[in-house]
Amino acid sequence: MTLGRVVIVGAGGLGREVLDILEAINERAPTYEVLGFLDDKGGDRELLARRGMTVLGRVDQLGLLDAEYIIAIGAAAPRRRIDAFAIEHGRHAASAIHPAATLGSHTVIGPGAIVAAGARLTTNIKLGRHVQIHTNATVGHDANLQDYVTVLPGANVGGSVTLEQDVTIGSGAVLIQGVTVGRLTTVGAGAVVVRDLPEGVTAVGVPARALGAQS
């Protein structure tokens, strides 16, 4: 059997979590050969060495490696930038879906998605490019998570919610059914979103409101 060659972009904690996901996938059925990591800052080489891994070079080495890639960086902007570079150089993104995640029927997973252990996605959900659903987060029916969205641990995204491009949902946040969060907006940890949010703001509190806005 020929394994898919893959490199992880980002050698920090999230990168090691992605390595865990790939190893869990391989335990079910040999699927990936993980070549190593790419990181402009080098990462924690001691922690990587404990896993039998190393940093192969800087991120621009992605254009030279014959491998698929997974971008293990939490911030949306560098994900978008690295993805554009990779596409320009003819590289293809792999997805990392932990076997202990639950994906319901008619769920569409875009290239480069990361879905961590304990994540729960129900039915008719769409994930765009390089969407990240972190540990124990939930996404309800008919939700649309556009490119480079990040849903951090323990967040609850209700049914029919739309998260536009580059949105970040903080740990433990709750979004009620049917709301839309505009592109580039960040919802703070523990916030409760009960109405639509515009683009490019940071929203906090219960109920969530944009910083600087009147309650």
N, C-alpha and C. Protein backbone atom coordinates (compact mmCIF):
# COMPACT_ATOMS: atom_id res chain seq x y z
N MET A 1 0.85 -1.20 0.00
CA MET A 1 0.00 0.00 0.00
C MET A 1 0.88 1.25 0.00
N THR A 2 0.56 2.20 -0.87
CA THR A 2 1.28 3.46 -0.91
C THR A 2 0.61 4.46 0.01
N LEU A 3 1.38 4.98 0.97
CA LEU A 3 0.84 5.95 1.91
C LEU A 3 0.92 7.36 1.32
N GLY A 4 -0.03 8.20 1.71
CA GLY A 4 0.01 9.59 1.29
C GLY A 4 1.07 10.36 2.05
N ARG A 5 1.97 10.98 1.34
CA ARG A 5 3.03 11.78 1.97
C ARG A 5 2.45 13.13 2.38
N VAL A 6 2.66 13.51 3.63
CA VAL A 6 2.09 14.75 4.13
C VAL A 6 3.09 15.46 5.01
N VAL A 7 3.07 16.78 4.95
CA VAL A 7 3.90 17.62 5.81
C VAL A 7 2.97 18.53 6.60
N ILE A 8 3.31 18.76 7.86
CA ILE A 8 2.52 19.63 8.74
C ILE A 8 3.19 20.99 8.78
N VAL A 9 2.44 22.02 8.43
CA VAL A 9 2.95 23.39 8.44
C VAL A 9 2.57 24.03 9.77
N GLY A 10 3.58 24.30 10.60
CA GLY A 10 3.36 24.81 11.94
C GLY A 10 3.80 23.77 12.96
N ALA A 11 4.88 24.06 13.67
CA ALA A 11 5.48 23.07 14.56
C ALA A 11 5.22 23.36 16.03
N GLY A 12 4.15 24.10 16.32
CA GLY A 12 3.78 24.38 17.70
C GLY A 12 2.85 23.32 18.26
N GLY A 13 2.13 23.71 19.31
CA GLY A 13 1.24 22.76 19.95
C GLY A 13 0.17 22.22 19.04
N LEU A 14 -0.42 23.08 18.21
CA LEU A 14 -1.45 22.60 17.28
C LEU A 14 -0.85 21.62 16.28
N GLY A 15 0.37 21.88 15.85
CA GLY A 15 1.02 20.95 14.94
C GLY A 15 1.17 19.57 15.54
N ARG A 16 1.53 19.53 16.84
CA ARG A 16 1.65 18.23 17.49
C ARG A 16 0.29 17.57 17.69
N GLU A 17 -0.74 18.37 17.89
CA GLU A 17 -2.10 17.81 17.95
C GLU A 17 -2.49 17.21 16.61
N VAL A 18 -2.15 17.88 15.52
CA VAL A 18 -2.43 17.32 14.20
C VAL A 18 -1.67 16.02 13.99
N LEU A 19 -0.43 15.96 14.46
CA LEU A 19 0.32 14.71 14.39
C LEU A 19 -0.42 13.60 15.14
N ASP A 20 -0.98 13.92 16.31
CA ASP A 20 -1.79 12.94 17.04
C ASP A 20 -2.95 12.44 16.17
N ILE A 21 -3.62 13.37 15.49
CA ILE A 21 -4.75 12.99 14.66
C ILE A 21 -4.31 12.04 13.54
N LEU A 22 -3.22 12.39 12.88
CA LEU A 22 -2.74 11.54 11.79
C LEU A 22 -2.32 10.17 12.29
N GLU A 23 -1.71 10.13 13.47
CA GLU A 23 -1.33 8.83 14.04
C GLU A 23 -2.56 8.01 14.41
N ALA A 24 -3.61 8.69 14.91
CA ALA A 24 -4.85 7.97 15.23
C ALA A 24 -5.50 7.42 13.97
N ILE A 25 -5.45 8.19 12.88
CA ILE A 25 -5.97 7.70 11.60
C ILE A 25 -5.19 6.47 11.15
N ASN A 26 -3.87 6.54 11.28
CA ASN A 26 -3.03 5.42 10.85
C ASN A 26 -3.24 4.17 11.70
N GLU A 27 -3.62 4.36 12.96
CA GLU A 27 -3.91 3.20 13.80
C GLU A 27 -5.13 2.44 13.28
N ARG A 28 -6.10 3.18 12.72
CA ARG A 28 -7.28 2.54 12.14
C ARG A 28 -6.93 1.85 10.82
N ALA A 29 -6.20 2.57 10.00
CA ALA A 29 -5.79 2.03 8.70
C ALA A 29 -4.61 2.87 8.22
N PRO A 30 -3.49 2.25 7.86
CA PRO A 30 -2.33 3.02 7.39
C PRO A 30 -2.71 3.92 6.23
N THR A 31 -2.54 5.22 6.43
CA THR A 31 -3.02 6.18 5.46
C THR A 31 -1.95 7.20 5.08
N TYR A 32 -1.24 7.71 6.09
CA TYR A 32 -0.31 8.82 5.87
C TYR A 32 1.12 8.45 6.26
N GLU A 33 2.06 8.97 5.49
CA GLU A 33 3.46 9.03 5.88
C GLU A 33 3.77 10.48 6.21
N VAL A 34 3.97 10.77 7.49
CA VAL A 34 4.24 12.15 7.92
C VAL A 34 5.73 12.41 7.76
N LEU A 35 6.08 13.31 6.86
CA LEU A 35 7.49 13.59 6.58
C LEU A 35 8.13 14.44 7.67
N GLY A 36 7.36 15.32 8.29
CA GLY A 36 7.88 16.22 9.30
C GLY A 36 7.12 17.53 9.27
N PHE A 37 7.76 18.56 9.79
CA PHE A 37 7.13 19.86 9.97
C PHE A 37 7.88 20.93 9.18
N LEU A 38 7.14 21.97 8.82
CA LEU A 38 7.72 23.21 8.30
C LEU A 38 7.33 24.34 9.23
N ASP A 39 8.30 25.19 9.56
CA ASP A 39 8.01 26.28 10.50
C ASP A 39 9.11 27.32 10.39
N ASP A 40 8.73 28.57 10.19
CA ASP A 40 9.72 29.64 10.05
C ASP A 40 10.46 29.91 11.35
N LYS A 41 9.85 29.59 12.50
CA LYS A 41 10.47 29.84 13.79
C LYS A 41 11.15 28.62 14.38
N GLY A 42 11.03 27.49 13.74
CA GLY A 42 11.76 26.31 14.17
C GLY A 42 11.02 25.37 15.09
N GLY A 43 10.03 25.86 15.84
CA GLY A 43 9.29 24.99 16.75
C GLY A 43 10.12 24.51 17.93
N ASP A 44 9.51 23.69 18.77
CA ASP A 44 10.21 23.11 19.92
C ASP A 44 10.81 21.78 19.48
N ARG A 45 12.07 21.80 19.13
CA ARG A 45 12.70 20.61 18.55
C ARG A 45 12.79 19.46 19.53
N GLU A 46 12.90 19.77 20.81
CA GLU A 46 12.97 18.69 21.80
C GLU A 46 11.64 17.93 21.86
N LEU A 47 10.54 18.67 21.90
CA LEU A 47 9.23 18.01 21.93
C LEU A 47 8.98 17.22 20.65
N LEU A 48 9.42 17.76 19.52
CA LEU A 48 9.24 17.04 18.27
C LEU A 48 10.11 15.79 18.22
N ALA A 49 11.33 15.89 18.75
CA ALA A 49 12.22 14.73 18.73
C ALA A 49 11.64 13.58 19.54
N ARG A 50 10.91 13.89 20.61
CA ARG A 50 10.27 12.84 21.40
C ARG A 50 9.26 12.05 20.57
N ARG A 51 8.74 12.70 19.52
CA ARG A 51 7.76 12.06 18.64
C ARG A 51 8.42 11.47 17.41
N GLY A 52 9.75 11.54 17.36
CA GLY A 52 10.44 11.04 16.17
C GLY A 52 10.30 11.94 14.97
N MET A 53 10.07 13.23 15.23
CA MET A 53 9.83 14.19 14.15
C MET A 53 10.86 15.30 14.19
N THR A 54 10.99 16.00 13.09
CA THR A 54 11.91 17.11 13.00
C THR A 54 11.30 18.21 12.14
N VAL A 55 11.90 19.41 12.23
CA VAL A 55 11.51 20.51 11.35
C VAL A 55 12.36 20.41 10.09
N LEU A 56 11.69 20.28 8.96
CA LEU A 56 12.39 20.08 7.69
C LEU A 56 12.92 21.38 7.12
N GLY A 57 12.35 22.49 7.53
CA GLY A 57 12.77 23.77 7.00
C GLY A 57 11.71 24.83 7.18
N ARG A 58 11.89 25.93 6.47
CA ARG A 58 10.94 27.02 6.54
C ARG A 58 9.71 26.72 5.69
N VAL A 59 8.69 27.53 5.89
CA VAL A 59 7.43 27.28 5.22
C VAL A 59 7.57 27.31 3.71
N ASP A 60 8.48 28.14 3.17
CA ASP A 60 8.61 28.21 1.72
C ASP A 60 9.14 26.93 1.10
N GLN A 61 9.63 25.98 1.93
CA GLN A 61 10.03 24.68 1.42
C GLN A 61 8.82 23.88 0.92
N LEU A 62 7.65 24.34 1.27
CA LEU A 62 6.43 23.67 0.81
C LEU A 62 6.38 23.62 -0.71
N GLY A 63 6.96 24.63 -1.35
CA GLY A 63 6.95 24.66 -2.80
C GLY A 63 7.87 23.64 -3.44
N LEU A 64 8.75 23.01 -2.64
CA LEU A 64 9.72 22.05 -3.17
C LEU A 64 9.41 20.61 -2.82
N LEU A 65 8.61 20.40 -1.78
CA LEU A 65 8.35 19.04 -1.30
C LEU A 65 7.24 18.37 -2.11
N ASP A 66 7.45 17.11 -2.42
CA ASP A 66 6.43 16.33 -3.10
C ASP A 66 5.54 15.70 -2.04
N ALA A 67 4.62 16.50 -1.52
CA ALA A 67 3.77 16.04 -0.42
C ALA A 67 2.54 16.93 -0.34
N GLU A 68 1.48 16.38 0.24
CA GLU A 68 0.33 17.18 0.62
C GLU A 68 0.66 17.94 1.90
N TYR A 69 -0.18 18.87 2.29
CA TYR A 69 0.11 19.71 3.45
C TYR A 69 -1.14 19.90 4.29
N ILE A 70 -0.91 20.07 5.59
CA ILE A 70 -1.95 20.48 6.54
C ILE A 70 -1.41 21.67 7.30
N ILE A 71 -2.17 22.75 7.34
CA ILE A 71 -1.70 23.97 8.00
C ILE A 71 -2.19 23.98 9.44
N ALA A 72 -1.26 23.75 10.36
CA ALA A 72 -1.58 23.67 11.79
C ALA A 72 -1.23 24.99 12.47
N ILE A 73 -1.90 26.04 12.04
CA ILE A 73 -1.71 27.38 12.58
C ILE A 73 -3.09 27.91 12.92
N GLY A 74 -3.26 28.42 14.14
CA GLY A 74 -4.58 28.82 14.60
C GLY A 74 -5.13 30.07 13.93
N ALA A 75 -4.27 31.03 13.63
CA ALA A 75 -4.72 32.30 13.07
C ALA A 75 -5.10 32.14 11.61
N ALA A 76 -6.20 32.79 11.22
CA ALA A 76 -6.71 32.62 9.86
C ALA A 76 -5.82 33.26 8.80
N ALA A 77 -5.28 34.44 9.08
CA ALA A 77 -4.54 35.17 8.05
C ALA A 77 -3.33 34.38 7.54
N PRO A 78 -2.48 33.83 8.41
CA PRO A 78 -1.37 33.03 7.86
C PRO A 78 -1.84 31.76 7.17
N ARG A 79 -2.93 31.17 7.63
CA ARG A 79 -3.47 30.00 6.91
C ARG A 79 -3.81 30.37 5.47
N ARG A 80 -4.48 31.49 5.32
CA ARG A 80 -4.87 31.94 3.99
C ARG A 80 -3.62 32.20 3.14
N ARG A 81 -2.64 32.87 3.71
CA ARG A 81 -1.43 33.22 2.95
C ARG A 81 -0.65 31.97 2.53
N ILE A 82 -0.49 31.03 3.46
CA ILE A 82 0.26 29.80 3.16
C ILE A 82 -0.50 28.96 2.15
N ASP A 83 -1.81 28.91 2.26
CA ASP A 83 -2.62 28.14 1.33
C ASP A 83 -2.46 28.71 -0.08
N ALA A 84 -2.48 30.03 -0.22
CA ALA A 84 -2.32 30.65 -1.53
C ALA A 84 -0.96 30.30 -2.12
N PHE A 85 0.09 30.33 -1.30
CA PHE A 85 1.43 29.96 -1.75
C PHE A 85 1.46 28.51 -2.22
N ALA A 86 0.85 27.62 -1.44
CA ALA A 86 0.85 26.20 -1.79
C ALA A 86 0.11 25.95 -3.10
N ILE A 87 -1.04 26.60 -3.28
CA ILE A 87 -1.81 26.43 -4.51
C ILE A 87 -1.00 26.92 -5.71
N GLU A 88 -0.34 28.05 -5.52
CA GLU A 88 0.49 28.61 -6.59
C GLU A 88 1.57 27.62 -7.04
N HIS A 89 2.05 26.80 -6.09
CA HIS A 89 3.10 25.85 -6.39
C HIS A 89 2.56 24.44 -6.67
N GLY A 90 1.27 24.35 -6.89
CA GLY A 90 0.70 23.09 -7.32
C GLY A 90 0.56 22.04 -6.24
N ARG A 91 0.53 22.45 -4.98
CA ARG A 91 0.40 21.50 -3.88
C ARG A 91 -1.07 21.31 -3.52
N HIS A 92 -1.37 20.17 -2.92
CA HIS A 92 -2.74 19.84 -2.55
C HIS A 92 -2.84 19.64 -1.04
N ALA A 93 -3.92 20.15 -0.47
CA ALA A 93 -4.12 20.07 0.98
C ALA A 93 -4.74 18.73 1.37
N ALA A 94 -4.27 18.17 2.46
CA ALA A 94 -4.88 17.00 3.08
C ALA A 94 -5.74 17.45 4.25
N SER A 95 -6.71 16.65 4.63
CA SER A 95 -7.53 16.93 5.80
C SER A 95 -7.19 15.96 6.92
N ALA A 96 -7.38 16.41 8.16
CA ALA A 96 -7.10 15.58 9.33
C ALA A 96 -8.36 15.49 10.18
N ILE A 97 -9.05 14.37 10.10
CA ILE A 97 -10.31 14.16 10.82
C ILE A 97 -10.07 13.05 11.84
N HIS A 98 -10.11 13.38 13.11
CA HIS A 98 -9.82 12.38 14.14
C HIS A 98 -10.89 11.30 14.15
N PRO A 99 -10.50 10.04 14.30
CA PRO A 99 -11.51 8.97 14.36
C PRO A 99 -12.50 9.12 15.50
N ALA A 100 -12.11 9.85 16.55
CA ALA A 100 -13.02 10.05 17.67
C ALA A 100 -13.91 11.29 17.51
N ALA A 101 -13.89 11.91 16.34
CA ALA A 101 -14.86 12.96 16.00
C ALA A 101 -16.09 12.30 15.39
N THR A 102 -17.22 12.99 15.45
CA THR A 102 -18.46 12.49 14.86
C THR A 102 -18.89 13.40 13.73
N LEU A 103 -19.05 12.83 12.54
CA LEU A 103 -19.53 13.58 11.39
C LEU A 103 -20.84 12.96 10.92
N GLY A 104 -21.89 13.78 10.87
CA GLY A 104 -23.18 13.29 10.47
C GLY A 104 -23.34 13.21 8.96
N SER A 105 -24.55 12.91 8.54
CA SER A 105 -24.84 12.69 7.12
C SER A 105 -24.74 13.98 6.32
N HIS A 106 -24.33 13.82 5.06
CA HIS A 106 -24.30 14.92 4.09
C HIS A 106 -23.48 16.11 4.59
N THR A 107 -22.39 15.80 5.27
CA THR A 107 -21.45 16.84 5.70
C THR A 107 -20.33 16.93 4.68
N VAL A 108 -20.05 18.13 4.19
CA VAL A 108 -19.05 18.37 3.16
C VAL A 108 -17.82 18.98 3.83
N ILE A 109 -16.68 18.33 3.65
CA ILE A 109 -15.44 18.75 4.29
C ILE A 109 -14.51 19.31 3.23
N GLY A 110 -14.13 20.59 3.36
CA GLY A 110 -13.23 21.20 2.39
C GLY A 110 -11.79 20.77 2.58
N PRO A 111 -10.94 21.01 1.59
CA PRO A 111 -9.53 20.64 1.68
C PRO A 111 -8.85 21.31 2.88
N GLY A 112 -7.98 20.55 3.55
CA GLY A 112 -7.18 21.10 4.63
C GLY A 112 -7.88 21.20 5.98
N ALA A 113 -9.11 20.69 6.08
CA ALA A 113 -9.84 20.80 7.34
C ALA A 113 -9.16 19.99 8.45
N ILE A 114 -9.26 20.51 9.67
CA ILE A 114 -8.81 19.81 10.86
C ILE A 114 -10.02 19.66 11.78
N VAL A 115 -10.37 18.43 12.12
CA VAL A 115 -11.48 18.16 13.05
C VAL A 115 -10.91 17.29 14.16
N ALA A 116 -10.88 17.83 15.37
CA ALA A 116 -10.18 17.20 16.48
C ALA A 116 -11.06 16.17 17.19
N ALA A 117 -10.43 15.42 18.08
CA ALA A 117 -11.15 14.41 18.87
C ALA A 117 -12.26 15.05 19.68
N GLY A 118 -13.41 14.39 19.72
CA GLY A 118 -14.53 14.87 20.51
C GLY A 118 -15.39 15.90 19.82
N ALA A 119 -14.97 16.38 18.66
CA ALA A 119 -15.81 17.32 17.91
C ALA A 119 -17.05 16.59 17.41
N ARG A 120 -18.18 17.29 17.38
CA ARG A 120 -19.44 16.69 16.95
C ARG A 120 -20.08 17.58 15.89
N LEU A 121 -20.22 17.05 14.70
CA LEU A 121 -20.88 17.74 13.59
C LEU A 121 -22.09 16.91 13.20
N THR A 122 -23.25 17.55 13.10
CA THR A 122 -24.46 16.77 12.86
C THR A 122 -24.71 16.57 11.36
N THR A 123 -25.69 17.20 10.76
CA THR A 123 -26.06 16.85 9.39
C THR A 123 -26.10 18.08 8.49
N ASN A 124 -25.81 17.84 7.20
CA ASN A 124 -25.89 18.89 6.17
C ASN A 124 -25.06 20.12 6.53
N ILE A 125 -23.85 19.87 6.97
CA ILE A 125 -22.91 20.93 7.34
C ILE A 125 -21.89 21.09 6.23
N LYS A 126 -21.46 22.31 6.00
CA LYS A 126 -20.44 22.58 4.99
C LYS A 126 -19.25 23.27 5.65
N LEU A 127 -18.07 22.69 5.47
CA LEU A 127 -16.82 23.28 5.94
C LEU A 127 -16.00 23.69 4.72
N GLY A 128 -15.55 24.94 4.70
CA GLY A 128 -14.72 25.43 3.60
C GLY A 128 -13.27 25.00 3.73
N ARG A 129 -12.40 25.65 2.99
CA ARG A 129 -10.97 25.32 3.00
C ARG A 129 -10.34 25.63 4.37
N HIS A 130 -9.56 24.69 4.85
CA HIS A 130 -8.73 24.88 6.04
C HIS A 130 -9.52 25.37 7.26
N VAL A 131 -10.74 24.88 7.39
CA VAL A 131 -11.53 25.13 8.59
C VAL A 131 -10.98 24.26 9.72
N GLN A 132 -10.97 24.79 10.93
CA GLN A 132 -10.51 24.04 12.11
C GLN A 132 -11.65 23.94 13.12
N ILE A 133 -11.98 22.70 13.50
CA ILE A 133 -12.95 22.44 14.56
C ILE A 133 -12.17 21.75 15.68
N HIS A 134 -11.98 22.45 16.78
CA HIS A 134 -11.10 21.96 17.83
C HIS A 134 -11.83 21.04 18.80
N THR A 135 -11.10 20.57 19.79
CA THR A 135 -11.56 19.51 20.69
C THR A 135 -12.90 19.86 21.34
N ASN A 136 -13.84 18.91 21.24
CA ASN A 136 -15.14 18.98 21.93
C ASN A 136 -16.02 20.14 21.50
N ALA A 137 -15.74 20.72 20.35
CA ALA A 137 -16.64 21.73 19.79
C ALA A 137 -17.80 21.03 19.07
N THR A 138 -18.93 21.70 18.98
CA THR A 138 -20.08 21.14 18.28
C THR A 138 -20.57 22.09 17.20
N VAL A 139 -21.06 21.50 16.11
CA VAL A 139 -21.62 22.30 15.01
C VAL A 139 -22.94 21.66 14.62
N GLY A 140 -24.01 22.46 14.63
CA GLY A 140 -25.35 21.95 14.39
C GLY A 140 -25.72 21.88 12.92
N HIS A 141 -26.88 21.31 12.67
CA HIS A 141 -27.37 21.04 11.33
C HIS A 141 -27.38 22.27 10.44
N ASP A 142 -27.06 22.07 9.17
CA ASP A 142 -27.19 23.08 8.12
C ASP A 142 -26.30 24.30 8.33
N ALA A 143 -25.28 24.16 9.16
CA ALA A 143 -24.34 25.27 9.36
C ALA A 143 -23.39 25.38 8.17
N ASN A 144 -22.96 26.60 7.89
CA ASN A 144 -22.04 26.87 6.79
C ASN A 144 -20.83 27.61 7.35
N LEU A 145 -19.71 26.92 7.42
CA LEU A 145 -18.46 27.48 7.92
C LEU A 145 -17.55 27.72 6.73
N GLN A 146 -17.33 28.96 6.39
CA GLN A 146 -16.60 29.29 5.18
C GLN A 146 -15.09 29.17 5.40
N ASP A 147 -14.32 29.47 4.36
CA ASP A 147 -12.88 29.23 4.37
C ASP A 147 -12.19 29.88 5.57
N TYR A 148 -11.25 29.12 6.16
CA TYR A 148 -10.33 29.59 7.21
C TYR A 148 -11.03 29.94 8.53
N VAL A 149 -12.20 29.41 8.74
CA VAL A 149 -12.89 29.58 10.02
C VAL A 149 -12.22 28.71 11.08
N THR A 150 -12.18 29.22 12.31
CA THR A 150 -11.63 28.49 13.45
C THR A 150 -12.69 28.43 14.55
N VAL A 151 -13.00 27.21 15.01
CA VAL A 151 -13.91 27.02 16.14
C VAL A 151 -13.11 26.36 17.25
N LEU A 152 -12.84 27.10 18.31
CA LEU A 152 -11.92 26.66 19.35
C LEU A 152 -12.61 25.72 20.35
N PRO A 153 -11.83 25.08 21.24
CA PRO A 153 -12.38 23.99 22.07
C PRO A 153 -13.64 24.36 22.84
N GLY A 154 -14.60 23.44 22.82
CA GLY A 154 -15.79 23.56 23.63
C GLY A 154 -16.83 24.54 23.14
N ALA A 155 -16.60 25.18 21.99
CA ALA A 155 -17.60 26.11 21.46
C ALA A 155 -18.79 25.33 20.89
N ASN A 156 -19.96 25.97 20.91
CA ASN A 156 -21.19 25.35 20.41
C ASN A 156 -21.81 26.24 19.35
N VAL A 157 -21.76 25.76 18.11
CA VAL A 157 -22.30 26.50 16.97
C VAL A 157 -23.65 25.89 16.62
N GLY A 158 -24.71 26.68 16.72
CA GLY A 158 -26.06 26.17 16.52
C GLY A 158 -26.38 25.87 15.07
N GLY A 159 -27.54 25.27 14.86
CA GLY A 159 -27.98 24.92 13.52
C GLY A 159 -28.21 26.16 12.65
N SER A 160 -27.94 25.99 11.35
CA SER A 160 -28.18 27.04 10.34
C SER A 160 -27.39 28.31 10.60
N VAL A 161 -26.31 28.20 11.33
CA VAL A 161 -25.41 29.33 11.55
C VAL A 161 -24.49 29.47 10.34
N THR A 162 -24.20 30.72 9.96
CA THR A 162 -23.21 31.00 8.92
C THR A 162 -22.04 31.73 9.54
N LEU A 163 -20.85 31.16 9.38
CA LEU A 163 -19.61 31.81 9.79
C LEU A 163 -18.85 32.16 8.53
N GLU A 164 -18.74 33.44 8.26
CA GLU A 164 -18.09 33.87 7.03
C GLU A 164 -16.57 33.71 7.13
N GLN A 165 -15.88 33.98 6.06
CA GLN A 165 -14.46 33.68 5.97
C GLN A 165 -13.65 34.35 7.09
N ASP A 166 -12.68 33.58 7.60
CA ASP A 166 -11.70 34.07 8.58
C ASP A 166 -12.30 34.39 9.95
N VAL A 167 -13.47 33.87 10.24
CA VAL A 167 -14.07 34.05 11.57
C VAL A 167 -13.39 33.13 12.58
N THR A 168 -13.22 33.62 13.81
CA THR A 168 -12.71 32.81 14.92
C THR A 168 -13.75 32.80 16.03
N ILE A 169 -14.11 31.59 16.49
CA ILE A 169 -15.05 31.42 17.59
C ILE A 169 -14.27 30.93 18.80
N GLY A 170 -14.28 31.71 19.90
CA GLY A 170 -13.47 31.42 21.07
C GLY A 170 -13.97 30.22 21.86
N SER A 171 -13.09 29.72 22.71
CA SER A 171 -13.41 28.55 23.53
C SER A 171 -14.66 28.79 24.36
N GLY A 172 -15.57 27.81 24.35
CA GLY A 172 -16.76 27.88 25.18
C GLY A 172 -17.82 28.84 24.73
N ALA A 173 -17.64 29.49 23.58
CA ALA A 173 -18.67 30.40 23.08
C ALA A 173 -19.88 29.61 22.60
N VAL A 174 -21.04 30.28 22.58
CA VAL A 174 -22.29 29.66 22.14
C VAL A 174 -22.92 30.57 21.09
N LEU A 175 -23.31 30.00 19.95
CA LEU A 175 -24.00 30.75 18.90
C LEU A 175 -25.36 30.12 18.71
N ILE A 176 -26.43 30.89 18.91
CA ILE A 176 -27.77 30.32 18.79
C ILE A 176 -28.11 30.10 17.32
N GLN A 177 -29.15 29.31 17.11
CA GLN A 177 -29.52 28.91 15.76
C GLN A 177 -29.78 30.10 14.85
N GLY A 178 -29.23 30.02 13.63
CA GLY A 178 -29.58 30.94 12.57
C GLY A 178 -28.79 32.23 12.48
N VAL A 179 -27.85 32.49 13.39
CA VAL A 179 -27.12 33.75 13.32
C VAL A 179 -26.03 33.68 12.25
N THR A 180 -25.63 34.87 11.79
CA THR A 180 -24.52 35.02 10.85
C THR A 180 -23.44 35.87 11.49
N VAL A 181 -22.20 35.41 11.38
CA VAL A 181 -21.05 36.17 11.88
C VAL A 181 -20.23 36.60 10.68
N GLY A 182 -20.04 37.93 10.55
CA GLY A 182 -19.37 38.48 9.39
C GLY A 182 -17.89 38.14 9.34
N ARG A 183 -17.33 38.21 8.15
CA ARG A 183 -15.94 37.81 7.92
C ARG A 183 -14.98 38.60 8.80
N LEU A 184 -13.91 37.94 9.20
CA LEU A 184 -12.82 38.52 9.99
C LEU A 184 -13.22 38.86 11.43
N THR A 185 -14.41 38.46 11.84
CA THR A 185 -14.84 38.75 13.20
C THR A 185 -14.37 37.67 14.16
N THR A 186 -14.04 38.07 15.38
CA THR A 186 -13.66 37.15 16.45
C THR A 186 -14.72 37.20 17.55
N VAL A 187 -15.21 36.04 17.94
CA VAL A 187 -16.13 35.93 19.08
C VAL A 187 -15.31 35.45 20.27
N GLY A 188 -15.32 36.21 21.35
CA GLY A 188 -14.49 35.91 22.50
C GLY A 188 -14.92 34.65 23.24
N ALA A 189 -14.00 34.14 24.04
CA ALA A 189 -14.26 32.94 24.84
C ALA A 189 -15.46 33.16 25.75
N GLY A 190 -16.37 32.19 25.76
CA GLY A 190 -17.52 32.24 26.65
C GLY A 190 -18.63 33.17 26.24
N ALA A 191 -18.49 33.85 25.12
CA ALA A 191 -19.53 34.77 24.67
C ALA A 191 -20.75 33.99 24.18
N VAL A 192 -21.91 34.64 24.21
CA VAL A 192 -23.15 34.04 23.73
C VAL A 192 -23.71 34.94 22.63
N VAL A 193 -23.72 34.43 21.41
CA VAL A 193 -24.14 35.22 20.25
C VAL A 193 -25.62 34.94 19.98
N VAL A 194 -26.44 35.97 20.14
CA VAL A 194 -27.88 35.81 19.98
C VAL A 194 -28.43 36.60 18.79
N ARG A 195 -27.56 37.36 18.13
CA ARG A 195 -27.97 38.10 16.93
C ARG A 195 -26.77 38.17 15.99
N ASP A 196 -27.04 38.54 14.74
CA ASP A 196 -25.98 38.62 13.74
C ASP A 196 -24.89 39.60 14.19
N LEU A 197 -23.65 39.29 13.79
CA LEU A 197 -22.52 40.17 14.07
C LEU A 197 -21.94 40.67 12.76
N PRO A 198 -21.53 41.94 12.70
CA PRO A 198 -20.96 42.47 11.46
C PRO A 198 -19.53 41.95 11.24
N GLU A 199 -18.97 42.31 10.11
CA GLU A 199 -17.62 41.85 9.82
C GLU A 199 -16.58 42.70 10.55
N GLY A 200 -15.44 42.08 10.83
CA GLY A 200 -14.27 42.79 11.30
C GLY A 200 -14.31 43.31 12.72
N VAL A 201 -15.13 42.71 13.59
CA VAL A 201 -15.19 43.17 14.98
C VAL A 201 -14.77 42.04 15.92
N THR A 202 -14.55 42.41 17.17
CA THR A 202 -14.38 41.44 18.24
C THR A 202 -15.59 41.57 19.16
N ALA A 203 -16.29 40.47 19.38
CA ALA A 203 -17.52 40.49 20.17
C ALA A 203 -17.33 39.66 21.44
N VAL A 204 -17.73 40.21 22.57
CA VAL A 204 -17.57 39.54 23.86
C VAL A 204 -18.84 39.70 24.67
N GLY A 205 -18.97 38.88 25.71
CA GLY A 205 -20.03 39.07 26.69
C GLY A 205 -21.26 38.21 26.45
N VAL A 206 -22.23 38.40 27.37
CA VAL A 206 -23.50 37.66 27.34
C VAL A 206 -24.63 38.68 27.51
N PRO A 207 -25.38 38.99 26.46
CA PRO A 207 -25.18 38.54 25.09
C PRO A 207 -23.96 39.22 24.46
N ALA A 208 -23.41 38.61 23.42
CA ALA A 208 -22.20 39.14 22.79
C ALA A 208 -22.49 40.46 22.08
N ARG A 209 -21.59 41.40 22.23
CA ARG A 209 -21.66 42.65 21.48
C ARG A 209 -20.25 43.08 21.11
N ALA A 210 -20.15 43.85 20.05
CA ALA A 210 -18.86 44.31 19.59
C ALA A 210 -18.21 45.22 20.62
N LEU A 211 -16.93 45.08 20.83
CA LEU A 211 -16.22 45.95 21.76
C LEU A 211 -16.39 47.40 21.33
N GLY A 212 -16.74 48.22 22.28
CA GLY A 212 -16.97 49.63 21.98
C GLY A 212 -18.42 49.96 21.64
N ALA A 213 -19.22 48.93 21.38
CA ALA A 213 -20.64 49.17 21.07
C ALA A 213 -21.43 49.37 22.34
N GLN A 214 -22.52 50.11 22.25
CA GLN A 214 -23.40 50.32 23.39
C GLN A 214 -24.24 49.06 23.63
N SER A 215 -24.46 48.72 24.89
CA SER A 215 -25.29 47.55 25.20
C SER A 215 -26.76 47.84 24.95
